[in-house]
Amino acid sequence: MKIESYYNSLSIVKVLMAVGIVYVHIIPPSVLTTILPEHPIFNFLFAMTNETFFRGCTPTYFFIAGFMFYRGNINQKYLSKIISKAKRLLIPFVFWNSLFIVCFSLDKCDSLSSIVNMYIRPVNFPLWFLRDLFFICLLSPFIGYLLRNFRKYLPFLLMIYYIILNR
């Protein structure tokens, strides 16, 4: 199988993950579980699809984005890739977050630091994905360095980091 067919397959998976992400965000789980609360089969199927499969769509998107980011020589194309990602991720993030601030949170903007904080922790919460994806793209040379040089120790270091982070 050629490498391009792998990338085509990943494009199909990306579309399926996008559908899953839209599904998770369309109807709140509290609404769905109150439709048929006395039916255990419905609750089981809902938990299996929503909490198992569809909640895994966002991490899968991150994984695919990281894989696709590395498909060329990262060191030669880093700046052009970051500029491209800024156009595709950072500009929509700033635009939609700014629009949300103007429409709903302008009264909370009492200083420059509060405005900056609204971009660090987006007021329009679903935008965290764009912010984090851009940040991962910025860190990709460092992540690549860790993967190349500390491959044996990286899972253990990530596990320790995860334990410390979730205290």
Foldseek 3Di string as FASTA:
>chain_A
DDPVVVVVVVVVLLVVLVVLQCVLPVDDPVVQCVVCVPDVVSVVVCCCRRVPPSVCSLVVVLVSLLVVCVPDPCVVCLVVVLVVLCVVQVVVLVVVLVVCCVVPPVVVCPDPVSVVVCSVCPPPNVSVSSVVSSVCSVCSVVVVVCCVPVVPCVVVVVVVVVVVVVD
